[in-house]
Amino acid sequence: MRSHEASVAVSCGNTGALMAVSMIRLRKLPGVNRPAIACFWPSRNPQGFNIMLDVGADVKADAPDLLQYALMGPPMPATGWASNVRASG
């Protein structure tokens, strides 16, 4: 991901371990206390999904962390990383 050879990471294992490795290898953006794990949540909106943050691994998130997640969420669709996602139903 860091060298842009991949745009996502998928884990079928321990999400806490995935979070720890990502913080060590990819690092956090300045001002971000804790990274958030995101998922696509099925929806009836035109896109067919919503992006939900904080879906695991962070049992210690406090109010300032949740505020950061709320601020990180809205710009995510503008990055284009979800442009090829299609919901099936």
PDB file of N, CA and C in Angstrom:
ATOM      1  N   MET A   1       0.823  -1.179   0.000  1.00  0.00           N
ATOM      2  CA  MET A   1       0.000   0.000   0.000  1.00  0.00           C
ATOM      3  C   MET A   1       0.874   1.252   0.000  1.00  0.00           C
ATOM      4  N   ARG A   2       1.926   1.241   0.775  1.00  0.00           N
ATOM      5  CA  ARG A   2       2.773   2.421   0.839  1.00  0.00           C
ATOM      6  C   ARG A   2       3.379   2.750  -0.520  1.00  0.00           C
ATOM      7  N   SER A   3       3.761   1.720  -1.286  1.00  0.00           N
ATOM      8  CA  SER A   3       4.362   1.947  -2.607  1.00  0.00           C
ATOM      9  C   SER A   3       3.294   2.033  -3.697  1.00  0.00           C
ATOM     10  N   HIS A   4       2.023   2.071  -3.309  1.00  0.00           N
ATOM     11  CA  HIS A   4       0.880   2.206  -4.215  1.00  0.00           C
ATOM     12  C   HIS A   4       0.713   1.015  -5.151  1.00  0.00           C
ATOM     13  N   GLU A   5       1.227  -0.147  -4.759  1.00  0.00           N
ATOM     14  CA  GLU A   5       0.996  -1.363  -5.529  1.00  0.00           C
ATOM     15  C   GLU A   5      -0.344  -1.978  -5.159  1.00  0.00           C
ATOM     16  N   ALA A   6      -0.918  -1.569  -4.045  1.00  0.00           N
ATOM     17  CA  ALA A   6      -2.239  -2.021  -3.607  1.00  0.00           C
ATOM     18  C   ALA A   6      -2.957  -0.829  -2.993  1.00  0.00           C
ATOM     19  N   SER A   7      -4.276  -0.840  -3.059  1.00  0.00           N
ATOM     20  CA  SER A   7      -5.025   0.281  -2.491  1.00  0.00           C
ATOM     21  C   SER A   7      -5.808  -0.099  -1.246  1.00  0.00           C
ATOM     22  N   VAL A   8      -5.891  -1.383  -0.942  1.00  0.00           N
ATOM     23  CA  VAL A   8      -6.598  -1.831   0.254  1.00  0.00           C
ATOM     24  C   VAL A   8      -5.868  -3.015   0.871  1.00  0.00           C
ATOM     25  N   ALA A   9      -6.177  -3.266   2.113  1.00  0.00           N
ATOM     26  CA  ALA A   9      -5.696  -4.464   2.791  1.00  0.00           C
ATOM     27  C   ALA A   9      -6.916  -5.209   3.314  1.00  0.00           C
ATOM     28  N   VAL A  10      -6.923  -6.512   3.147  1.00  0.00           N
ATOM     29  CA  VAL A  10      -8.020  -7.341   3.600  1.00  0.00           C
ATOM     30  C   VAL A  10      -7.466  -8.336   4.605  1.00  0.00           C
ATOM     31  N   SER A  11      -8.165  -8.501   5.706  1.00  0.00           N
ATOM     32  CA  SER A  11      -7.722  -9.440   6.727  1.00  0.00           C
ATOM     33  C   SER A  11      -8.853 -10.381   7.086  1.00  0.00           C
ATOM     34  N   CYS A  12      -8.554 -11.650   7.110  1.00  0.00           N
ATOM     35  CA  CYS A  12      -9.513 -12.649   7.605  1.00  0.00           C
ATOM     36  C   CYS A  12      -9.115 -13.084   9.006  1.00  0.00           C
ATOM     37  N   GLY A  13      -8.148 -12.385   9.575  1.00  0.00           N
ATOM     38  CA  GLY A  13      -7.637 -12.760  10.885  1.00  0.00           C
ATOM     39  C   GLY A  13      -7.882 -11.694  11.919  1.00  0.00           C
ATOM     40  N   ASN A  14      -6.929 -11.521  12.777  1.00  0.00           N
ATOM     41  CA  ASN A  14      -7.017 -10.619  13.917  1.00  0.00           C
ATOM     42  C   ASN A  14      -6.934  -9.165  13.454  1.00  0.00           C
ATOM     43  N   THR A  15      -8.025  -8.406  13.616  1.00  0.00           N
ATOM     44  CA  THR A  15      -8.021  -7.013  13.182  1.00  0.00           C
ATOM     45  C   THR A  15      -7.106  -6.156  14.053  1.00  0.00           C
ATOM     46  N   GLY A  16      -6.935  -6.533  15.316  1.00  0.00           N
ATOM     47  CA  GLY A  16      -6.000  -5.799  16.178  1.00  0.00           C
ATOM     48  C   GLY A  16      -4.582  -5.902  15.662  1.00  0.00           C
ATOM     49  N   ALA A  17      -4.205  -7.086  15.190  1.00  0.00           N
ATOM     50  CA  ALA A  17      -2.873  -7.271  14.615  1.00  0.00           C
ATOM     51  C   ALA A  17      -2.726  -6.479  13.323  1.00  0.00           C
ATOM     52  N   LEU A  18      -3.766  -6.467  12.490  1.00  0.00           N
ATOM     53  CA  LEU A  18      -3.733  -5.689  11.254  1.00  0.00           C
ATOM     54  C   LEU A  18      -3.553  -4.206  11.563  1.00  0.00           C
ATOM     55  N   MET A  19      -4.254  -3.721  12.570  1.00  0.00           N
ATOM     56  CA  MET A  19      -4.142  -2.316  12.967  1.00  0.00           C
ATOM     57  C   MET A  19      -2.736  -2.008  13.462  1.00  0.00           C
ATOM     58  N   ALA A  20      -2.178  -2.875  14.283  1.00  0.00           N
ATOM     59  CA  ALA A  20      -0.828  -2.652  14.809  1.00  0.00           C
ATOM     60  C   ALA A  20       0.205  -2.622  13.690  1.00  0.00           C
ATOM     61  N   VAL A  21       0.123  -3.577  12.780  1.00  0.00           N
ATOM     62  CA  VAL A  21       1.082  -3.616  11.669  1.00  0.00           C
ATOM     63  C   VAL A  21       0.926  -2.386  10.775  1.00  0.00           C
ATOM     64  N   SER A  22      -0.314  -1.976  10.530  1.00  0.00           N
ATOM     65  CA  SER A  22      -0.515  -0.807   9.671  1.00  0.00           C
ATOM     66  C   SER A  22       0.038   0.459  10.316  1.00  0.00           C
ATOM     67  N   MET A  23      -0.081   0.584  11.636  1.00  0.00           N
ATOM     68  CA  MET A  23       0.454   1.769  12.304  1.00  0.00           C
ATOM     69  C   MET A  23       1.978   1.781  12.259  1.00  0.00           C
ATOM     70  N   ILE A  24       2.591   0.609  12.283  1.00  0.00           N
ATOM     71  CA  ILE A  24       4.057   0.530  12.241  1.00  0.00           C
ATOM     72  C   ILE A  24       4.566   0.724  10.815  1.00  0.00           C
ATOM     73  N   ARG A  25       3.967   0.023   9.856  1.00  0.00           N
ATOM     74  CA  ARG A  25       4.460   0.033   8.478  1.00  0.00           C
ATOM     75  C   ARG A  25       3.993   1.236   7.663  1.00  0.00           C
ATOM     76  N   LEU A  26       2.719   1.638   7.823  1.00  0.00           N
ATOM     77  CA  LEU A  26       2.175   2.719   7.006  1.00  0.00           C
ATOM     78  C   LEU A  26       2.212   4.065   7.707  1.00  0.00           C
ATOM     79  N   ARG A  27       2.199   4.052   9.001  1.00  0.00           N
ATOM     80  CA  ARG A  27       2.181   5.234   9.853  1.00  0.00           C
ATOM     81  C   ARG A  27       0.846   5.971   9.751  1.00  0.00           C
ATOM     82  N   LYS A  28       0.651   6.907  10.649  1.00  0.00           N
ATOM     83  CA  LYS A  28      -0.589   7.679  10.688  1.00  0.00           C
ATOM     84  C   LYS A  28      -0.352   9.046  10.071  1.00  0.00           C
ATOM     85  N   LEU A  29      -1.418   9.677   9.619  1.00  0.00           N
ATOM     86  CA  LEU A  29      -1.326  11.048   9.153  1.00  0.00           C
ATOM     87  C   LEU A  29      -1.135  11.967  10.349  1.00  0.00           C
ATOM     88  N   PRO A  30      -0.453  13.089  10.173  1.00  0.00           N
ATOM     89  CA  PRO A  30      -0.289  14.026  11.284  1.00  0.00           C
ATOM     90  C   PRO A  30      -1.656  14.461  11.834  1.00  0.00           C
ATOM     91  N   GLY A  31      -1.783  14.462  13.137  1.00  0.00           N
ATOM     92  CA  GLY A  31      -3.013  14.883  13.783  1.00  0.00           C
ATOM     93  C   GLY A  31      -4.021  13.780  14.009  1.00  0.00           C
ATOM     94  N   VAL A  32      -3.777  12.578  13.466  1.00  0.00           N
ATOM     95  CA  VAL A  32      -4.690  11.454  13.663  1.00  0.00           C
ATOM     96  C   VAL A  32      -4.192  10.634  14.842  1.00  0.00           C
ATOM     97  N   ASN A  33      -5.012  10.530  15.880  1.00  0.00           N
ATOM     98  CA  ASN A  33      -4.612   9.779  17.070  1.00  0.00           C
ATOM     99  C   ASN A  33      -4.631   8.278  16.826  1.00  0.00           C
ATOM    100  N   ARG A  34      -5.728   7.798  16.243  1.00  0.00           N
ATOM    101  CA  ARG A  34      -5.898   6.362  16.013  1.00  0.00           C
ATOM    102  C   ARG A  34      -6.527   6.174  14.640  1.00  0.00           C
ATOM    103  N   PRO A  35      -5.976   5.290  13.834  1.00  0.00           N
ATOM    104  CA  PRO A  35      -6.610   5.021  12.539  1.00  0.00           C
ATOM    105  C   PRO A  35      -7.926   4.280  12.741  1.00  0.00           C
ATOM    106  N   ALA A  36      -8.775   4.340  11.740  1.00  0.00           N
ATOM    107  CA  ALA A  36     -10.068   3.658  11.800  1.00  0.00           C
ATOM    108  C   ALA A  36     -10.131   2.599  10.713  1.00  0.00           C
ATOM    109  N   ILE A  37     -10.751   1.481  11.034  1.00  0.00           N
ATOM    110  CA  ILE A  37     -11.019   0.458  10.032  1.00  0.00           C
ATOM    111  C   ILE A  37     -12.363   0.811   9.393  1.00  0.00           C
ATOM    112  N   ALA A  38     -12.391   0.794   8.064  1.00  0.00           N
ATOM    113  CA  ALA A  38     -13.613   1.139   7.338  1.00  0.00           C
ATOM    114  C   ALA A  38     -14.164  -0.085   6.622  1.00  0.00           C
ATOM    115  N   CYS A  39     -15.469  -0.080   6.424  1.00  0.00           N
ATOM    116  CA  CYS A  39     -16.100  -1.146   5.635  1.00  0.00           C
ATOM    117  C   CYS A  39     -17.219  -0.532   4.807  1.00  0.00           C
ATOM    118  N   PHE A  40     -17.622  -1.272   3.798  1.00  0.00           N
ATOM    119  CA  PHE A  40     -18.772  -0.868   2.991  1.00  0.00           C
ATOM    120  C   PHE A  40     -20.004  -1.517   3.590  1.00  0.00           C
ATOM    121  N   TRP A  41     -20.988  -0.702   3.925  1.00  0.00           N
ATOM    122  CA  TRP A  41     -22.212  -1.166   4.555  1.00  0.00           C
ATOM    123  C   TRP A  41     -23.324  -1.063   3.513  1.00  0.00           C
ATOM    124  N   PRO A  42     -24.014  -2.160   3.222  1.00  0.00           N
ATOM    125  CA  PRO A  42     -25.059  -2.115   2.190  1.00  0.00           C
ATOM    126  C   PRO A  42     -26.110  -1.043   2.484  1.00  0.00           C
ATOM    127  N   SER A  43     -26.577  -0.402   1.424  1.00  0.00           N
ATOM    128  CA  SER A  43     -27.546   0.673   1.568  1.00  0.00           C
ATOM    129  C   SER A  43     -28.477   0.687   0.361  1.00  0.00           C
ATOM    130  N   ARG A  44     -29.588   1.359   0.502  1.00  0.00           N
ATOM    131  CA  ARG A  44     -30.508   1.530  -0.626  1.00  0.00           C
ATOM    132  C   ARG A  44     -30.273   2.844  -1.347  1.00  0.00           C
ATOM    133  N   ASN A  45     -29.204   3.547  -0.993  1.00  0.00           N
ATOM    134  CA  ASN A  45     -28.907   4.797  -1.673  1.00  0.00           C
ATOM    135  C   ASN A  45     -28.404   4.499  -3.094  1.00  0.00           C
ATOM    136  N   PRO A  46     -28.268   5.499  -3.954  1.00  0.00           N
ATOM    137  CA  PRO A  46     -27.875   5.242  -5.347  1.00  0.00           C
ATOM    138  C   PRO A  46     -26.544   4.500  -5.502  1.00  0.00           C
ATOM    139  N   GLN A  47     -25.616   4.680  -4.578  1.00  0.00           N
ATOM    140  CA  GLN A  47     -24.324   3.992  -4.653  1.00  0.00           C
ATOM    141  C   GLN A  47     -24.428   2.528  -4.243  1.00  0.00           C
ATOM    142  N   GLY A  48     -25.443   2.198  -3.468  1.00  0.00           N
ATOM    143  CA  GLY A  48     -25.626   0.830  -3.006  1.00  0.00           C
ATOM    144  C   GLY A  48     -24.879   0.501  -1.723  1.00  0.00           C
ATOM    145  N   PHE A  49     -24.161   1.474  -1.174  1.00  0.00           N
ATOM    146  CA  PHE A  49     -23.422   1.240   0.060  1.00  0.00           C
ATOM    147  C   PHE A  49     -23.144   2.557   0.768  1.00  0.00           C
ATOM    148  N   ASN A  50     -22.831   2.468   2.036  1.00  0.00           N
ATOM    149  CA  ASN A  50     -22.291   3.562   2.842  1.00  0.00           C
ATOM    150  C   ASN A  50     -20.923   3.119   3.327  1.00  0.00           C
ATOM    151  N   ILE A  51     -20.090   4.062   3.684  1.00  0.00           N
ATOM    152  CA  ILE A  51     -18.792   3.741   4.255  1.00  0.00           C
ATOM    153  C   ILE A  51     -18.905   3.937   5.761  1.00  0.00           C
ATOM    154  N   MET A  52     -18.623   2.888   6.523  1.00  0.00           N
ATOM    155  CA  MET A  52     -18.697   2.962   7.976  1.00  0.00           C
ATOM    156  C   MET A  52     -17.291   2.855   8.555  1.00  0.00           C
ATOM    157  N   LEU A  53     -16.959   3.765   9.453  1.00  0.00           N
ATOM    158  CA  LEU A  53     -15.658   3.743  10.108  1.00  0.00           C
ATOM    159  C   LEU A  53     -15.777   3.196  11.522  1.00  0.00           C
ATOM    160  N   ASP A  54     -14.647   2.751  12.053  1.00  0.00           N
ATOM    161  CA  ASP A  54     -14.537   2.188  13.400  1.00  0.00           C
ATOM    162  C   ASP A  54     -15.345   0.907  13.511  1.00  0.00           C
ATOM    163  N   VAL A  55     -15.030  -0.057  12.630  1.00  0.00           N
ATOM    164  CA  VAL A  55     -15.773  -1.315  12.613  1.00  0.00           C
ATOM    165  C   VAL A  55     -15.020  -2.445  13.303  1.00  0.00           C
ATOM    166  N   GLY A  56     -14.046  -2.133  14.108  1.00  0.00           N
ATOM    167  CA  GLY A  56     -13.368  -3.191  14.848  1.00  0.00           C
ATOM    168  C   GLY A  56     -11.979  -2.788  15.287  1.00  0.00           C
ATOM    169  N   ALA A  57     -11.424  -3.567  16.165  1.00  0.00           N
ATOM    170  CA  ALA A  57     -10.046  -3.470  16.623  1.00  0.00           C
ATOM    171  C   ALA A  57      -9.764  -2.318  17.574  1.00  0.00           C
ATOM    172  N   ASP A  58     -10.653  -1.368  17.707  1.00  0.00           N
ATOM    173  CA  ASP A  58     -10.357  -0.205  18.542  1.00  0.00           C
ATOM    174  C   ASP A  58     -11.314  -0.146  19.721  1.00  0.00           C
ATOM    175  N   VAL A  59     -11.022  -0.926  20.741  1.00  0.00           N
ATOM    176  CA  VAL A  59     -11.888  -0.943  21.919  1.00  0.00           C
ATOM    177  C   VAL A  59     -11.606   0.225  22.853  1.00  0.00           C
ATOM    178  N   LYS A  60     -10.553   0.981  22.571  1.00  0.00           N
ATOM    179  CA  LYS A  60     -10.178   2.091  23.446  1.00  0.00           C
ATOM    180  C   LYS A  60     -10.527   3.456  22.865  1.00  0.00           C
ATOM    181  N   ALA A  61     -11.326   3.506  21.803  1.00  0.00           N
ATOM    182  CA  ALA A  61     -11.688   4.789  21.206  1.00  0.00           C
ATOM    183  C   ALA A  61     -12.481   5.615  22.216  1.00  0.00           C
ATOM    184  N   ASP A  62     -12.056   6.867  22.385  1.00  0.00           N
ATOM    185  CA  ASP A  62     -12.777   7.763  23.279  1.00  0.00           C
ATOM    186  C   ASP A  62     -13.455   8.847  22.436  1.00  0.00           C
ATOM    187  N   ALA A  63     -14.067   9.816  23.092  1.00  0.00           N
ATOM    188  CA  ALA A  63     -14.834  10.845  22.385  1.00  0.00           C
ATOM    189  C   ALA A  63     -13.988  11.599  21.353  1.00  0.00           C
ATOM    190  N   PRO A  64     -12.754  12.032  21.667  1.00  0.00           N
ATOM    191  CA  PRO A  64     -11.954  12.711  20.636  1.00  0.00           C
ATOM    192  C   PRO A  64     -11.637  11.797  19.437  1.00  0.00           C
ATOM    193  N   ASP A  65     -11.421  10.504  19.682  1.00  0.00           N
ATOM    194  CA  ASP A  65     -11.176   9.573  18.569  1.00  0.00           C
ATOM    195  C   ASP A  65     -12.415   9.461  17.687  1.00  0.00           C
ATOM    196  N   LEU A  66     -13.593   9.332  18.302  1.00  0.00           N
ATOM    197  CA  LEU A  66     -14.829   9.227  17.535  1.00  0.00           C
ATOM    198  C   LEU A  66     -15.081  10.494  16.727  1.00  0.00           C
ATOM    199  N   LEU A  67     -14.722  11.644  17.281  1.00  0.00           N
ATOM    200  CA  LEU A  67     -14.838  12.898  16.533  1.00  0.00           C
ATOM    201  C   LEU A  67     -13.914  12.877  15.317  1.00  0.00           C
ATOM    202  N   GLN A  68     -12.679  12.393  15.502  1.00  0.00           N
ATOM    203  CA  GLN A  68     -11.765  12.294  14.362  1.00  0.00           C
ATOM    204  C   GLN A  68     -12.316  11.361  13.290  1.00  0.00           C
ATOM    205  N   TYR A  69     -12.916  10.243  13.686  1.00  0.00           N
ATOM    206  CA  TYR A  69     -13.513   9.330  12.712  1.00  0.00           C
ATOM    207  C   TYR A  69     -14.623  10.046  11.941  1.00  0.00           C
ATOM    208  N   ALA A  70     -15.433  10.824  12.657  1.00  0.00           N
ATOM    209  CA  ALA A  70     -16.521  11.560  12.005  1.00  0.00           C
ATOM    210  C   ALA A  70     -15.975  12.565  10.999  1.00  0.00           C
ATOM    211  N   LEU A  71     -14.819  13.147  11.293  1.00  0.00           N
ATOM    212  CA  LEU A  71     -14.211  14.109  10.367  1.00  0.00           C
ATOM    213  C   LEU A  71     -13.498  13.415   9.206  1.00  0.00           C
ATOM    214  N   MET A  72     -12.992  12.196   9.432  1.00  0.00           N
ATOM    215  CA  MET A  72     -12.312  11.456   8.372  1.00  0.00           C
ATOM    216  C   MET A  72     -13.291  10.869   7.366  1.00  0.00           C
ATOM    217  N   GLY A  73     -14.503  10.554   7.784  1.00  0.00           N
ATOM    218  CA  GLY A  73     -15.443   9.858   6.924  1.00  0.00           C
ATOM    219  C   GLY A  73     -15.915  10.606   5.695  1.00  0.00           C
ATOM    220  N   PRO A  74     -16.444  11.828   5.843  1.00  0.00           N
ATOM    221  CA  PRO A  74     -17.017  12.506   4.682  1.00  0.00           C
ATOM    222  C   PRO A  74     -16.064  12.711   3.489  1.00  0.00           C
ATOM    223  N   PRO A  75     -14.783  12.984   3.682  1.00  0.00           N
ATOM    224  CA  PRO A  75     -13.907  13.153   2.509  1.00  0.00           C
ATOM    225  C   PRO A  75     -13.563  11.847   1.786  1.00  0.00           C
ATOM    226  N   MET A  76     -13.833  10.699   2.394  1.00  0.00           N
ATOM    227  CA  MET A  76     -13.407   9.429   1.794  1.00  0.00           C
ATOM    228  C   MET A  76     -13.955   9.200   0.390  1.00  0.00           C
ATOM    229  N   PRO A  77     -15.240   9.441   0.098  1.00  0.00           N
ATOM    230  CA  PRO A  77     -15.715   9.206  -1.272  1.00  0.00           C
ATOM    231  C   PRO A  77     -14.999  10.082  -2.309  1.00  0.00           C
ATOM    232  N   ALA A  78     -14.571  11.270  -1.924  1.00  0.00           N
ATOM    233  CA  ALA A  78     -13.902  12.168  -2.865  1.00  0.00           C
ATOM    234  C   ALA A  78     -12.521  11.663  -3.285  1.00  0.00           C
ATOM    235  N   THR A  79     -11.953  10.729  -2.528  1.00  0.00           N
ATOM    236  CA  THR A  79     -10.633  10.202  -2.882  1.00  0.00           C
ATOM    237  C   THR A  79     -10.708   9.256  -4.069  1.00  0.00           C
ATOM    238  N   GLY A  80     -11.904   8.744  -4.369  1.00  0.00           N
ATOM    239  CA  GLY A  80     -12.081   7.851  -5.504  1.00  0.00           C
ATOM    240  C   GLY A  80     -11.770   6.402  -5.218  1.00  0.00           C
ATOM    241  N   TRP A  81     -11.342   6.060  -4.008  1.00  0.00           N
ATOM    242  CA  TRP A  81     -10.953   4.675  -3.733  1.00  0.00           C
ATOM    243  C   TRP A  81     -12.151   3.738  -3.738  1.00  0.00           C
ATOM    244  N   ALA A  82     -13.348   4.262  -3.630  1.00  0.00           N
ATOM    245  CA  ALA A  82     -14.519   3.393  -3.649  1.00  0.00           C
ATOM    246  C   ALA A  82     -15.266   3.465  -4.982  1.00  0.00           C
ATOM    247  N   SER A  83     -14.675   4.080  -5.979  1.00  0.00           N
ATOM    248  CA  SER A  83     -15.391   4.299  -7.235  1.00  0.00           C
ATOM    249  C   SER A  83     -15.715   3.013  -7.995  1.00  0.00           C
ATOM    250  N   ASN A  84     -14.976   1.941  -7.761  1.00  0.00           N
ATOM    251  CA  ASN A  84     -15.241   0.692  -8.479  1.00  0.00           C
ATOM    252  C   ASN A  84     -16.059  -0.297  -7.669  1.00  0.00           C
ATOM    253  N   VAL A  85     -16.525   0.119  -6.508  1.00  0.00           N
ATOM    254  CA  VAL A  85     -17.309  -0.780  -5.653  1.00  0.00           C
ATOM    255  C   VAL A  85     -18.739  -0.819  -6.154  1.00  0.00           C
ATOM    256  N   ARG A  86     -19.264  -2.002  -6.305  1.00  0.00           N
ATOM    257  CA  ARG A  86     -20.662  -2.185  -6.684  1.00  0.00           C
ATOM    258  C   ARG A  86     -21.302  -3.145  -5.689  1.00  0.00           C
ATOM    259  N   ALA A  87     -22.428  -2.763  -5.187  1.00  0.00           N
ATOM    260  CA  ALA A  87     -23.133  -3.630  -4.240  1.00  0.00           C
ATOM    261  C   ALA A  87     -23.919  -4.674  -5.008  1.00  0.00           C
ATOM    262  N   SER A  88     -23.961  -5.855  -4.460  1.00  0.00           N
ATOM    263  CA  SER A  88     -24.793  -6.895  -5.063  1.00  0.00           C
ATOM    264  C   SER A  88     -25.952  -7.168  -4.129  1.00  0.00           C
ATOM    265  N   GLY A  89     -27.062  -7.543  -4.663  1.00  0.00           N
ATOM    266  CA  GLY A  89     -28.182  -7.744  -3.773  1.00  0.00           C
ATOM    267  C   GLY A  89     -29.207  -8.600  -4.293  1.00  0.00           C
TER     268      GLY A  89
END
